[in-house]
Amino acid sequence: MADVMLLHNPRCSTSRAALEQVEAVGIDADVVRYLTTPLNADQLHDLIRKLEDPATDLVRRDATFAALALTDDDVATADQVVAVLTEHPKLMQRPVLVRGDRAIIGRPKDRVPAFLAD
């Protein structure tokens, strides 16, 4: 079993930087391309339980969010976040790193080294 799971989008520079940091410190990582293999509702609930950030932060507020006419009120609770991300995995913030019973959103980039050092 890997030391860290990295929920990764290779098209994202911040996500690529997190993968580089994981590799640089030599930590065994399970890299999950969440757009190719989306998390199901149970996996998302588990991730949110581990997340050190508010659940709502897991949702990207980008052009897709706006095009879907979503608002902050639509992702205010963990259940709402799970519903939105199950339907629209592209809206998941990236990268996300999971280690044991802890998880963080790897933004800004300087959060990743401290998380990996713990």
PDB file of N, CA and C in Angstrom:
ATOM      1  N   MET A   1       0.842  -1.184   0.000  1.00  0.00           N
ATOM      2  CA  MET A   1       0.000   0.000   0.000  1.00  0.00           C
ATOM      3  C   MET A   1       0.885   1.245   0.000  1.00  0.00           C
ATOM      4  N   ALA A   2       0.512   2.210  -0.822  1.00  0.00           N
ATOM      5  CA  ALA A   2       1.292   3.434  -0.959  1.00  0.00           C
ATOM      6  C   ALA A   2       1.170   4.301   0.298  1.00  0.00           C
ATOM      7  N   ASP A   3       2.197   5.120   0.542  1.00  0.00           N
ATOM      8  CA  ASP A   3       2.198   6.034   1.686  1.00  0.00           C
ATOM      9  C   ASP A   3       1.214   7.190   1.492  1.00  0.00           C
ATOM     10  N   VAL A   4       1.061   7.613   0.247  1.00  0.00           N
ATOM     11  CA  VAL A   4       0.239   8.770  -0.086  1.00  0.00           C
ATOM     12  C   VAL A   4      -0.600   8.451  -1.315  1.00  0.00           C
ATOM     13  N   MET A   5      -1.831   8.937  -1.307  1.00  0.00           N
ATOM     14  CA  MET A   5      -2.639   8.908  -2.520  1.00  0.00           C
ATOM     15  C   MET A   5      -2.720  10.342  -3.026  1.00  0.00           C
ATOM     16  N   LEU A   6      -2.448  10.513  -4.304  1.00  0.00           N
ATOM     17  CA  LEU A   6      -2.512  11.826  -4.942  1.00  0.00           C
ATOM     18  C   LEU A   6      -3.633  11.794  -5.963  1.00  0.00           C
ATOM     19  N   LEU A   7      -4.672  12.581  -5.715  1.00  0.00           N
ATOM     20  CA  LEU A   7      -5.742  12.741  -6.695  1.00  0.00           C
ATOM     21  C   LEU A   7      -5.252  13.802  -7.658  1.00  0.00           C
ATOM     22  N   HIS A   8      -4.999  13.379  -8.896  1.00  0.00           N
ATOM     23  CA  HIS A   8      -4.146  14.107  -9.823  1.00  0.00           C
ATOM     24  C   HIS A   8      -4.841  14.385 -11.148  1.00  0.00           C
ATOM     25  N   ASN A   9      -4.582  15.573 -11.666  1.00  0.00           N
ATOM     26  CA  ASN A   9      -4.969  15.941 -13.027  1.00  0.00           C
ATOM     27  C   ASN A   9      -3.684  16.372 -13.723  1.00  0.00           C
ATOM     28  N   PRO A  10      -3.171  15.550 -14.650  1.00  0.00           N
ATOM     29  CA  PRO A  10      -1.893  15.875 -15.274  1.00  0.00           C
ATOM     30  C   PRO A  10      -1.903  17.156 -16.100  1.00  0.00           C
ATOM     31  N   ARG A  11      -3.065  17.685 -16.410  1.00  0.00           N
ATOM     32  CA  ARG A  11      -3.148  18.932 -17.169  1.00  0.00           C
ATOM     33  C   ARG A  11      -3.003  20.155 -16.281  1.00  0.00           C
ATOM     34  N   CYS A  12      -2.995  19.957 -14.970  1.00  0.00           N
ATOM     35  CA  CYS A  12      -2.918  21.059 -14.003  1.00  0.00           C
ATOM     36  C   CYS A  12      -1.473  21.226 -13.521  1.00  0.00           C
ATOM     37  N   SER A  13      -0.931  22.420 -13.644  1.00  0.00           N
ATOM     38  CA  SER A  13       0.457  22.649 -13.236  1.00  0.00           C
ATOM     39  C   SER A  13       0.643  22.469 -11.732  1.00  0.00           C
ATOM     40  N   THR A  14      -0.340  22.843 -10.931  1.00  0.00           N
ATOM     41  CA  THR A  14      -0.236  22.674  -9.481  1.00  0.00           C
ATOM     42  C   THR A  14      -0.242  21.194  -9.119  1.00  0.00           C
ATOM     43  N   SER A  15      -1.044  20.430  -9.826  1.00  0.00           N
ATOM     44  CA  SER A  15      -1.093  18.985  -9.593  1.00  0.00           C
ATOM     45  C   SER A  15       0.220  18.331 -10.023  1.00  0.00           C
ATOM     46  N   ARG A  16       0.756  18.752 -11.148  1.00  0.00           N
ATOM     47  CA  ARG A  16       2.059  18.221 -11.596  1.00  0.00           C
ATOM     48  C   ARG A  16       3.157  18.576 -10.599  1.00  0.00           C
ATOM     49  N   ALA A  17       3.101  19.787 -10.045  1.00  0.00           N
ATOM     50  CA  ALA A  17       4.097  20.202  -9.049  1.00  0.00           C
ATOM     51  C   ALA A  17       4.001  19.331  -7.803  1.00  0.00           C
ATOM     52  N   ALA A  18       2.795  18.983  -7.391  1.00  0.00           N
ATOM     53  CA  ALA A  18       2.620  18.109  -6.221  1.00  0.00           C
ATOM     54  C   ALA A  18       3.211  16.731  -6.495  1.00  0.00           C
ATOM     55  N   LEU A  19       2.980  16.196  -7.676  1.00  0.00           N
ATOM     56  CA  LEU A  19       3.549  14.895  -8.034  1.00  0.00           C
ATOM     57  C   LEU A  19       5.074  14.966  -8.028  1.00  0.00           C
ATOM     58  N   GLU A  20       5.634  16.040  -8.541  1.00  0.00           N
ATOM     59  CA  GLU A  20       7.091  16.213  -8.522  1.00  0.00           C
ATOM     60  C   GLU A  20       7.617  16.254  -7.097  1.00  0.00           C
ATOM     61  N   GLN A  21       6.907  16.915  -6.186  1.00  0.00           N
ATOM     62  CA  GLN A  21       7.334  16.996  -4.792  1.00  0.00           C
ATOM     63  C   GLN A  21       7.268  15.625  -4.127  1.00  0.00           C
ATOM     64  N   VAL A  22       6.224  14.869  -4.411  1.00  0.00           N
ATOM     65  CA  VAL A  22       6.107  13.506  -3.877  1.00  0.00           C
ATOM     66  C   VAL A  22       7.280  12.666  -4.357  1.00  0.00           C
ATOM     67  N   GLU A  23       7.573  12.731  -5.641  1.00  0.00           N
ATOM     68  CA  GLU A  23       8.675  11.954  -6.210  1.00  0.00           C
ATOM     69  C   GLU A  23      10.022  12.413  -5.650  1.00  0.00           C
ATOM     70  N   ALA A  24      10.192  13.723  -5.444  1.00  0.00           N
ATOM     71  CA  ALA A  24      11.459  14.269  -4.965  1.00  0.00           C
ATOM     72  C   ALA A  24      11.814  13.774  -3.569  1.00  0.00           C
ATOM     73  N   VAL A  25      10.792  13.561  -2.729  1.00  0.00           N
ATOM     74  CA  VAL A  25      11.081  13.088  -1.374  1.00  0.00           C
ATOM     75  C   VAL A  25      11.064  11.560  -1.283  1.00  0.00           C
ATOM     76  N   GLY A  26      10.777  10.909  -2.401  1.00  0.00           N
ATOM     77  CA  GLY A  26      10.860   9.448  -2.448  1.00  0.00           C
ATOM     78  C   GLY A  26       9.738   8.719  -1.732  1.00  0.00           C
ATOM     79  N   ILE A  27       8.592   9.357  -1.627  1.00  0.00           N
ATOM     80  CA  ILE A  27       7.446   8.719  -0.984  1.00  0.00           C
ATOM     81  C   ILE A  27       6.702   7.882  -2.024  1.00  0.00           C
ATOM     82  N   ASP A  28       6.330   6.678  -1.623  1.00  0.00           N
ATOM     83  CA  ASP A  28       5.544   5.802  -2.490  1.00  0.00           C
ATOM     84  C   ASP A  28       4.133   6.377  -2.602  1.00  0.00           C
ATOM     85  N   ALA A  29       3.697   6.635  -3.836  1.00  0.00           N
ATOM     86  CA  ALA A  29       2.399   7.270  -4.036  1.00  0.00           C
ATOM     87  C   ALA A  29       1.518   6.465  -4.984  1.00  0.00           C
ATOM     88  N   ASP A  30       0.264   6.447  -4.649  1.00  0.00           N
ATOM     89  CA  ASP A  30      -0.770   5.914  -5.529  1.00  0.00           C
ATOM     90  C   ASP A  30      -1.359   7.130  -6.235  1.00  0.00           C
ATOM     91  N   VAL A  31      -1.065   7.286  -7.525  1.00  0.00           N
ATOM     92  CA  VAL A  31      -1.533   8.442  -8.286  1.00  0.00           C
ATOM     93  C   VAL A  31      -2.846   8.064  -8.967  1.00  0.00           C
ATOM     94  N   VAL A  32      -3.899   8.774  -8.596  1.00  0.00           N
ATOM     95  CA  VAL A  32      -5.231   8.496  -9.123  1.00  0.00           C
ATOM     96  C   VAL A  32      -5.647   9.659 -10.026  1.00  0.00           C
ATOM     97  N   ARG A  33      -5.827   9.369 -11.284  1.00  0.00           N
ATOM     98  CA  ARG A  33      -6.329  10.380 -12.216  1.00  0.00           C
ATOM     99  C   ARG A  33      -7.847  10.405 -12.070  1.00  0.00           C
ATOM    100  N   TYR A  34      -8.308  11.305 -11.234  1.00  0.00           N
ATOM    101  CA  TYR A  34      -9.709  11.295 -10.821  1.00  0.00           C
ATOM    102  C   TYR A  34     -10.674  11.636 -11.948  1.00  0.00           C
ATOM    103  N   LEU A  35     -10.190  12.199 -13.052  1.00  0.00           N
ATOM    104  CA  LEU A  35     -11.083  12.442 -14.186  1.00  0.00           C
ATOM    105  C   LEU A  35     -11.297  11.162 -14.988  1.00  0.00           C
ATOM    106  N   THR A  36     -10.292  10.298 -14.996  1.00  0.00           N
ATOM    107  CA  THR A  36     -10.388   9.011 -15.680  1.00  0.00           C
ATOM    108  C   THR A  36     -11.096   7.990 -14.795  1.00  0.00           C
ATOM    109  N   THR A  37     -10.777   8.038 -13.499  1.00  0.00           N
ATOM    110  CA  THR A  37     -11.371   7.132 -12.517  1.00  0.00           C
ATOM    111  C   THR A  37     -11.994   7.985 -11.410  1.00  0.00           C
ATOM    112  N   PRO A  38     -13.198   8.506 -11.644  1.00  0.00           N
ATOM    113  CA  PRO A  38     -13.822   9.381 -10.642  1.00  0.00           C
ATOM    114  C   PRO A  38     -14.124   8.644  -9.341  1.00  0.00           C
ATOM    115  N   LEU A  39     -14.086   9.393  -8.256  1.00  0.00           N
ATOM    116  CA  LEU A  39     -14.449   8.840  -6.962  1.00  0.00           C
ATOM    117  C   LEU A  39     -15.960   8.667  -6.892  1.00  0.00           C
ATOM    118  N   ASN A  40     -16.389   7.589  -6.258  1.00  0.00           N
ATOM    119  CA  ASN A  40     -17.824   7.405  -6.060  1.00  0.00           C
ATOM    120  C   ASN A  40     -18.245   8.132  -4.777  1.00  0.00           C
ATOM    121  N   ALA A  41     -19.521   8.099  -4.484  1.00  0.00           N
ATOM    122  CA  ALA A  41     -20.049   8.845  -3.326  1.00  0.00           C
ATOM    123  C   ALA A  41     -19.407   8.399  -2.019  1.00  0.00           C
ATOM    124  N   ASP A  42     -19.248   7.089  -1.824  1.00  0.00           N
ATOM    125  CA  ASP A  42     -18.625   6.599  -0.581  1.00  0.00           C
ATOM    126  C   ASP A  42     -17.184   7.074  -0.464  1.00  0.00           C
ATOM    127  N   GLN A  43     -16.444   7.032  -1.565  1.00  0.00           N
ATOM    128  CA  GLN A  43     -15.051   7.487  -1.545  1.00  0.00           C
ATOM    129  C   GLN A  43     -14.977   8.980  -1.266  1.00  0.00           C
ATOM    130  N   LEU A  44     -15.886   9.750  -1.826  1.00  0.00           N
ATOM    131  CA  LEU A  44     -15.901  11.195  -1.574  1.00  0.00           C
ATOM    132  C   LEU A  44     -16.238  11.504  -0.116  1.00  0.00           C
ATOM    133  N   HIS A  45     -17.203  10.782   0.444  1.00  0.00           N
ATOM    134  CA  HIS A  45     -17.521  10.983   1.868  1.00  0.00           C
ATOM    135  C   HIS A  45     -16.305  10.660   2.737  1.00  0.00           C
ATOM    136  N   ASP A  46     -15.610   9.578   2.417  1.00  0.00           N
ATOM    137  CA  ASP A  46     -14.408   9.202   3.168  1.00  0.00           C
ATOM    138  C   ASP A  46     -13.339  10.288   3.039  1.00  0.00           C
ATOM    139  N   LEU A  47     -13.145  10.798   1.842  1.00  0.00           N
ATOM    140  CA  LEU A  47     -12.172  11.865   1.624  1.00  0.00           C
ATOM    141  C   LEU A  47     -12.532  13.098   2.449  1.00  0.00           C
ATOM    142  N   ILE A  48     -13.786  13.476   2.453  1.00  0.00           N
ATOM    143  CA  ILE A  48     -14.217  14.664   3.191  1.00  0.00           C
ATOM    144  C   ILE A  48     -14.008  14.481   4.694  1.00  0.00           C
ATOM    145  N   ARG A  49     -14.210  13.276   5.197  1.00  0.00           N
ATOM    146  CA  ARG A  49     -13.962  13.015   6.633  1.00  0.00           C
ATOM    147  C   ARG A  49     -12.487  13.235   6.989  1.00  0.00           C
ATOM    148  N   LYS A  50     -11.605  12.959   6.059  1.00  0.00           N
ATOM    149  CA  LYS A  50     -10.164  13.105   6.298  1.00  0.00           C
ATOM    150  C   LYS A  50      -9.654  14.523   6.020  1.00  0.00           C
ATOM    151  N   LEU A  51     -10.406  15.268   5.259  1.00  0.00           N
ATOM    152  CA  LEU A  51      -9.953  16.560   4.754  1.00  0.00           C
ATOM    153  C   LEU A  51      -9.787  17.581   5.869  1.00  0.00           C
ATOM    154  N   GLU A  52      -8.624  18.208   5.912  1.00  0.00           N
ATOM    155  CA  GLU A  52      -8.345  19.258   6.889  1.00  0.00           C
ATOM    156  C   GLU A  52      -8.979  20.581   6.488  1.00  0.00           C
ATOM    157  N   ASP A  53      -9.399  20.684   5.241  1.00  0.00           N
ATOM    158  CA  ASP A  53     -10.030  21.890   4.718  1.00  0.00           C
ATOM    159  C   ASP A  53     -11.552  21.729   4.793  1.00  0.00           C
ATOM    160  N   PRO A  54     -12.293  22.830   4.740  1.00  0.00           N
ATOM    161  CA  PRO A  54     -13.754  22.707   4.690  1.00  0.00           C
ATOM    162  C   PRO A  54     -14.169  21.929   3.439  1.00  0.00           C
ATOM    163  N   ALA A  55     -15.203  21.124   3.557  1.00  0.00           N
ATOM    164  CA  ALA A  55     -15.661  20.297   2.428  1.00  0.00           C
ATOM    165  C   ALA A  55     -15.946  21.146   1.195  1.00  0.00           C
ATOM    166  N   THR A  56     -16.517  22.313   1.393  1.00  0.00           N
ATOM    167  CA  THR A  56     -16.867  23.167   0.256  1.00  0.00           C
ATOM    168  C   THR A  56     -15.639  23.581  -0.557  1.00  0.00           C
ATOM    169  N   ASP A  57     -14.467  23.621   0.068  1.00  0.00           N
ATOM    170  CA  ASP A  57     -13.239  23.985  -0.641  1.00  0.00           C
ATOM    171  C   ASP A  57     -12.833  22.938  -1.665  1.00  0.00           C
ATOM    172  N   LEU A  58     -13.402  21.762  -1.584  1.00  0.00           N
ATOM    173  CA  LEU A  58     -13.079  20.695  -2.529  1.00  0.00           C
ATOM    174  C   LEU A  58     -13.667  20.963  -3.913  1.00  0.00           C
ATOM    175  N   VAL A  59     -14.574  21.931  -4.005  1.00  0.00           N
ATOM    176  CA  VAL A  59     -15.228  22.253  -5.273  1.00  0.00           C
ATOM    177  C   VAL A  59     -14.585  23.490  -5.886  1.00  0.00           C
ATOM    178  N   ARG A  60     -14.146  23.337  -7.127  1.00  0.00           N
ATOM    179  CA  ARG A  60     -13.567  24.458  -7.871  1.00  0.00           C
ATOM    180  C   ARG A  60     -14.667  25.433  -8.271  1.00  0.00           C
ATOM    181  N   ARG A  61     -14.410  26.701  -8.067  1.00  0.00           N
ATOM    182  CA  ARG A  61     -15.332  27.746  -8.533  1.00  0.00           C
ATOM    183  C   ARG A  61     -14.738  28.312  -9.823  1.00  0.00           C
ATOM    184  N   ASP A  62     -15.012  27.632 -10.932  1.00  0.00           N
ATOM    185  CA  ASP A  62     -14.426  28.025 -12.207  1.00  0.00           C
ATOM    186  C   ASP A  62     -15.520  28.241 -13.243  1.00  0.00           C
ATOM    187  N   ALA A  63     -15.144  28.288 -14.522  1.00  0.00           N
ATOM    188  CA  ALA A  63     -16.116  28.524 -15.591  1.00  0.00           C
ATOM    189  C   ALA A  63     -17.169  27.418 -15.654  1.00  0.00           C
ATOM    190  N   THR A  64     -16.768  26.183 -15.390  1.00  0.00           N
ATOM    191  CA  THR A  64     -17.724  25.073 -15.396  1.00  0.00           C
ATOM    192  C   THR A  64     -18.739  25.252 -14.276  1.00  0.00           C
ATOM    193  N   PHE A  65     -18.273  25.632 -13.104  1.00  0.00           N
ATOM    194  CA  PHE A  65     -19.147  25.902 -11.955  1.00  0.00           C
ATOM    195  C   PHE A  65     -20.186  26.959 -12.347  1.00  0.00           C
ATOM    196  N   ALA A  66     -19.727  28.026 -12.966  1.00  0.00           N
ATOM    197  CA  ALA A  66     -20.624  29.107 -13.379  1.00  0.00           C
ATOM    198  C   ALA A  66     -21.573  28.650 -14.484  1.00  0.00           C
ATOM    199  N   ALA A  67     -21.057  27.891 -15.450  1.00  0.00           N
ATOM    200  CA  ALA A  67     -21.889  27.416 -16.560  1.00  0.00           C
ATOM    201  C   ALA A  67     -23.006  26.497 -16.073  1.00  0.00           C
ATOM    202  N   LEU A  68     -22.759  25.776 -14.994  1.00  0.00           N
ATOM    203  CA  LEU A  68     -23.777  24.901 -14.420  1.00  0.00           C
ATOM    204  C   LEU A  68     -24.742  25.666 -13.516  1.00  0.00           C
ATOM    205  N   ALA A  69     -24.523  26.985 -13.417  1.00  0.00           N
ATOM    206  CA  ALA A  69     -25.351  27.876 -12.594  1.00  0.00           C
ATOM    207  C   ALA A  69     -25.340  27.459 -11.129  1.00  0.00           C
ATOM    208  N   LEU A  70     -24.205  26.947 -10.685  1.00  0.00           N
ATOM    209  CA  LEU A  70     -24.058  26.582  -9.278  1.00  0.00           C
ATOM    210  C   LEU A  70     -23.665  27.814  -8.467  1.00  0.00           C
ATOM    211  N   THR A  71     -24.019  27.787  -7.194  1.00  0.00           N
ATOM    212  CA  THR A  71     -23.633  28.858  -6.281  1.00  0.00           C
ATOM    213  C   THR A  71     -23.016  28.220  -5.040  1.00  0.00           C
ATOM    214  N   ASP A  72     -22.459  29.047  -4.185  1.00  0.00           N
ATOM    215  CA  ASP A  72     -21.893  28.539  -2.936  1.00  0.00           C
ATOM    216  C   ASP A  72     -22.946  27.805  -2.109  1.00  0.00           C
ATOM    217  N   ASP A  73     -24.194  28.230  -2.211  1.00  0.00           N
ATOM    218  CA  ASP A  73     -25.275  27.558  -1.483  1.00  0.00           C
ATOM    219  C   ASP A  73     -25.492  26.123  -1.956  1.00  0.00           C
ATOM    220  N   ASP A  74     -25.083  25.826  -3.193  1.00  0.00           N
ATOM    221  CA  ASP A  74     -25.240  24.475  -3.744  1.00  0.00           C
ATOM    222  C   ASP A  74     -24.170  23.505  -3.244  1.00  0.00           C
ATOM    223  N   VAL A  75     -23.127  24.031  -2.616  1.00  0.00           N
ATOM    224  CA  VAL A  75     -22.030  23.184  -2.124  1.00  0.00           C
ATOM    225  C   VAL A  75     -21.661  23.557  -0.694  1.00  0.00           C
ATOM    226  N   ALA A  76     -22.664  23.861   0.099  1.00  0.00           N
ATOM    227  CA  ALA A  76     -22.442  24.321   1.472  1.00  0.00           C
ATOM    228  C   ALA A  76     -22.244  23.171   2.456  1.00  0.00           C
ATOM    229  N   THR A  77     -22.757  21.985   2.138  1.00  0.00           N
ATOM    230  CA  THR A  77     -22.646  20.845   3.054  1.00  0.00           C
ATOM    231  C   THR A  77     -21.849  19.722   2.397  1.00  0.00           C
ATOM    232  N   ALA A  78     -21.381  18.803   3.218  1.00  0.00           N
ATOM    233  CA  ALA A  78     -20.634  17.654   2.692  1.00  0.00           C
ATOM    234  C   ALA A  78     -21.491  16.854   1.720  1.00  0.00           C
ATOM    235  N   ASP A  79     -22.759  16.643   2.037  1.00  0.00           N
ATOM    236  CA  ASP A  79     -23.638  15.884   1.142  1.00  0.00           C
ATOM    237  C   ASP A  79     -23.815  16.591  -0.197  1.00  0.00           C
ATOM    238  N   GLN A  80     -23.916  17.902  -0.181  1.00  0.00           N
ATOM    239  CA  GLN A  80     -24.039  18.658  -1.426  1.00  0.00           C
ATOM    240  C   GLN A  80     -22.753  18.564  -2.241  1.00  0.00           C
ATOM    241  N   VAL A  81     -21.618  18.652  -1.572  1.00  0.00           N
ATOM    242  CA  VAL A  81     -20.330  18.537  -2.256  1.00  0.00           C
ATOM    243  C   VAL A  81     -20.226  17.169  -2.930  1.00  0.00           C
ATOM    244  N   VAL A  82     -20.584  16.127  -2.212  1.00  0.00           N
ATOM    245  CA  VAL A  82     -20.537  14.776  -2.776  1.00  0.00           C
ATOM    246  C   VAL A  82     -21.462  14.681  -3.982  1.00  0.00           C
ATOM    247  N   ALA A  83     -22.663  15.205  -3.883  1.00  0.00           N
ATOM    248  CA  ALA A  83     -23.604  15.139  -5.004  1.00  0.00           C
ATOM    249  C   ALA A  83     -23.057  15.856  -6.237  1.00  0.00           C
ATOM    250  N   VAL A  84     -22.496  17.043  -6.042  1.00  0.00           N
ATOM    251  CA  VAL A  84     -21.966  17.816  -7.172  1.00  0.00           C
ATOM    252  C   VAL A  84     -20.746  17.112  -7.776  1.00  0.00           C
ATOM    253  N   LEU A  85     -19.829  16.636  -6.942  1.00  0.00           N
ATOM    254  CA  LEU A  85     -18.610  16.019  -7.466  1.00  0.00           C
ATOM    255  C   LEU A  85     -18.865  14.638  -8.071  1.00  0.00           C
ATOM    256  N   THR A  86     -19.878  13.954  -7.610  1.00  0.00           N
ATOM    257  CA  THR A  86     -20.242  12.681  -8.232  1.00  0.00           C
ATOM    258  C   THR A  86     -20.756  12.932  -9.648  1.00  0.00           C
ATOM    259  N   GLU A  87     -21.535  13.967  -9.782  1.00  0.00           N
ATOM    260  CA  GLU A  87     -22.106  14.319 -11.090  1.00  0.00           C
ATOM    261  C   GLU A  87     -21.093  15.003 -12.002  1.00  0.00           C
ATOM    262  N   HIS A  88     -20.199  15.810 -11.408  1.00  0.00           N
ATOM    263  CA  HIS A  88     -19.256  16.624 -12.189  1.00  0.00           C
ATOM    264  C   HIS A  88     -17.842  16.515 -11.604  1.00  0.00           C
ATOM    265  N   PRO A  89     -17.148  15.391 -11.812  1.00  0.00           N
ATOM    266  CA  PRO A  89     -15.808  15.215 -11.230  1.00  0.00           C
ATOM    267  C   PRO A  89     -14.819  16.311 -11.634  1.00  0.00           C
ATOM    268  N   LYS A  90     -15.065  16.935 -12.773  1.00  0.00           N
ATOM    269  CA  LYS A  90     -14.175  17.997 -13.247  1.00  0.00           C
ATOM    270  C   LYS A  90     -14.108  19.168 -12.261  1.00  0.00           C
ATOM    271  N   LEU A  91     -15.129  19.291 -11.421  1.00  0.00           N
ATOM    272  CA  LEU A  91     -15.165  20.401 -10.464  1.00  0.00           C
ATOM    273  C   LEU A  91     -14.336  20.143  -9.207  1.00  0.00           C
ATOM    274  N   MET A  92     -13.740  18.957  -9.102  1.00  0.00           N
ATOM    275  CA  MET A  92     -12.955  18.698  -7.892  1.00  0.00           C
ATOM    276  C   MET A  92     -11.648  19.493  -7.921  1.00  0.00           C
ATOM    277  N   GLN A  93     -11.383  20.142  -6.819  1.00  0.00           N
ATOM    278  CA  GLN A  93     -10.135  20.878  -6.645  1.00  0.00           C
ATOM    279  C   GLN A  93      -8.970  19.913  -6.752  1.00  0.00           C
ATOM    280  N   ARG A  94      -7.878  20.376  -7.270  1.00  0.00           N
ATOM    281  CA  ARG A  94      -6.699  19.526  -7.394  1.00  0.00           C
ATOM    282  C   ARG A  94      -5.459  20.336  -7.127  1.00  0.00           C
ATOM    283  N   PRO A  95      -4.445  19.621  -6.695  1.00  0.00           N
ATOM    284  CA  PRO A  95      -4.391  18.217  -6.315  1.00  0.00           C
ATOM    285  C   PRO A  95      -4.940  18.012  -4.905  1.00  0.00           C
ATOM    286  N   VAL A  96      -5.271  16.776  -4.606  1.00  0.00           N
ATOM    287  CA  VAL A  96      -5.652  16.399  -3.244  1.00  0.00           C
ATOM    288  C   VAL A  96      -4.704  15.286  -2.827  1.00  0.00           C
ATOM    289  N   LEU A  97      -4.135  15.421  -1.634  1.00  0.00           N
ATOM    290  CA  LEU A  97      -3.221  14.410  -1.113  1.00  0.00           C
ATOM    291  C   LEU A  97      -3.838  13.776   0.122  1.00  0.00           C
ATOM    292  N   VAL A  98      -3.748  12.456   0.194  1.00  0.00           N
ATOM    293  CA  VAL A  98      -4.299  11.698   1.320  1.00  0.00           C
ATOM    294  C   VAL A  98      -3.175  10.860   1.901  1.00  0.00           C
ATOM    295  N   ARG A  99      -3.043  10.939   3.212  1.00  0.00           N
ATOM    296  CA  ARG A  99      -2.038  10.146   3.914  1.00  0.00           C
ATOM    297  C   ARG A  99      -2.661   9.654   5.213  1.00  0.00           C
ATOM    298  N   GLY A 100      -2.911   8.359   5.277  1.00  0.00           N
ATOM    299  CA  GLY A 100      -3.539   7.803   6.469  1.00  0.00           C
ATOM    300  C   GLY A 100      -4.921   8.388   6.660  1.00  0.00           C
ATOM    301  N   ASP A 101      -5.137   9.013   7.817  1.00  0.00           N
ATOM    302  CA  ASP A 101      -6.447   9.585   8.112  1.00  0.00           C
ATOM    303  C   ASP A 101      -6.490  11.095   7.914  1.00  0.00           C
ATOM    304  N   ARG A 102      -5.538  11.613   7.126  1.00  0.00           N
ATOM    305  CA  ARG A 102      -5.461  13.053   6.850  1.00  0.00           C
ATOM    306  C   ARG A 102      -5.473  13.295   5.350  1.00  0.00           C
ATOM    307  N   ALA A 103      -6.067  14.405   4.949  1.00  0.00           N
ATOM    308  CA  ALA A 103      -6.064  14.804   3.540  1.00  0.00           C
ATOM    309  C   ALA A 103      -6.034  16.326   3.461  1.00  0.00           C
ATOM    310  N   ILE A 104      -5.391  16.814   2.405  1.00  0.00           N
ATOM    311  CA  ILE A 104      -5.364  18.260   2.154  1.00  0.00           C
ATOM    312  C   ILE A 104      -5.576  18.518   0.671  1.00  0.00           C
ATOM    313  N   ILE A 105      -6.036  19.715   0.400  1.00  0.00           N
ATOM    314  CA  ILE A 105      -6.019  20.234  -0.955  1.00  0.00           C
ATOM    315  C   ILE A 105      -4.648  20.871  -1.122  1.00  0.00           C
ATOM    316  N   GLY A 106      -3.933  20.510  -2.145  1.00  0.00           N
ATOM    317  CA  GLY A 106      -2.556  20.965  -2.328  1.00  0.00           C
ATOM    318  C   GLY A 106      -2.435  22.339  -2.952  1.00  0.00           C
ATOM    319  N   ARG A 107      -3.263  23.256  -2.520  1.00  0.00           N
ATOM    320  CA  ARG A 107      -3.212  24.653  -2.952  1.00  0.00           C
ATOM    321  C   ARG A 107      -3.220  25.513  -1.701  1.00  0.00           C
ATOM    322  N   PRO A 108      -2.361  26.478  -1.634  1.00  0.00           N
ATOM    323  CA  PRO A 108      -1.263  26.753  -2.541  1.00  0.00           C
ATOM    324  C   PRO A 108      -0.193  25.666  -2.472  1.00  0.00           C
ATOM    325  N   LYS A 109       0.698  25.701  -3.443  1.00  0.00           N
ATOM    326  CA  LYS A 109       1.712  24.647  -3.591  1.00  0.00           C
ATOM    327  C   LYS A 109       2.549  24.438  -2.339  1.00  0.00           C
ATOM    328  N   ASP A 110       2.736  25.481  -1.543  1.00  0.00           N
ATOM    329  CA  ASP A 110       3.618  25.355  -0.372  1.00  0.00           C
ATOM    330  C   ASP A 110       3.005  24.521   0.754  1.00  0.00           C
ATOM    331  N   ARG A 111       1.761  24.099   0.627  1.00  0.00           N
ATOM    332  CA  ARG A 111       1.153  23.215   1.624  1.00  0.00           C
ATOM    333  C   ARG A 111       1.671  21.780   1.489  1.00  0.00           C
ATOM    334  N   VAL A 112       2.073  21.409   0.287  1.00  0.00           N
ATOM    335  CA  VAL A 112       2.415  20.021   0.003  1.00  0.00           C
ATOM    336  C   VAL A 112       3.664  19.560   0.756  1.00  0.00           C
ATOM    337  N   PRO A 113       4.788  20.282   0.731  1.00  0.00           N
ATOM    338  CA  PRO A 113       5.977  19.796   1.443  1.00  0.00           C
ATOM    339  C   PRO A 113       5.737  19.561   2.930  1.00  0.00           C
ATOM    340  N   ALA A 114       5.019  20.458   3.597  1.00  0.00           N
ATOM    341  CA  ALA A 114       4.744  20.291   5.018  1.00  0.00           C
ATOM    342  C   ALA A 114       3.896  19.039   5.261  1.00  0.00           C
ATOM    343  N   PHE A 115       2.920  18.814   4.401  1.00  0.00           N
ATOM    344  CA  PHE A 115       2.067  17.633   4.537  1.00  0.00           C
ATOM    345  C   PHE A 115       2.881  16.357   4.348  1.00  0.00           C
ATOM    346  N   LEU A 116       3.764  16.358   3.372  1.00  0.00           N
ATOM    347  CA  LEU A 116       4.585  15.172   3.099  1.00  0.00           C
ATOM    348  C   LEU A 116       5.601  14.926   4.203  1.00  0.00           C
ATOM    349  N   ALA A 117       6.023  15.974   4.894  1.00  0.00           N
ATOM    350  CA  ALA A 117       7.028  15.844   5.946  1.00  0.00           C
ATOM    351  C   ALA A 117       6.459  15.254   7.233  1.00  0.00           C
ATOM    352  N   ASP A 118       5.151  15.348   7.418  1.00  0.00           N
ATOM    353  CA  ASP A 118       4.527  14.842   8.659  1.00  0.00           C
ATOM    354  C   ASP A 118       4.550  13.333   8.722  1.00  0.00           C
TER     355      ASP A 118
END
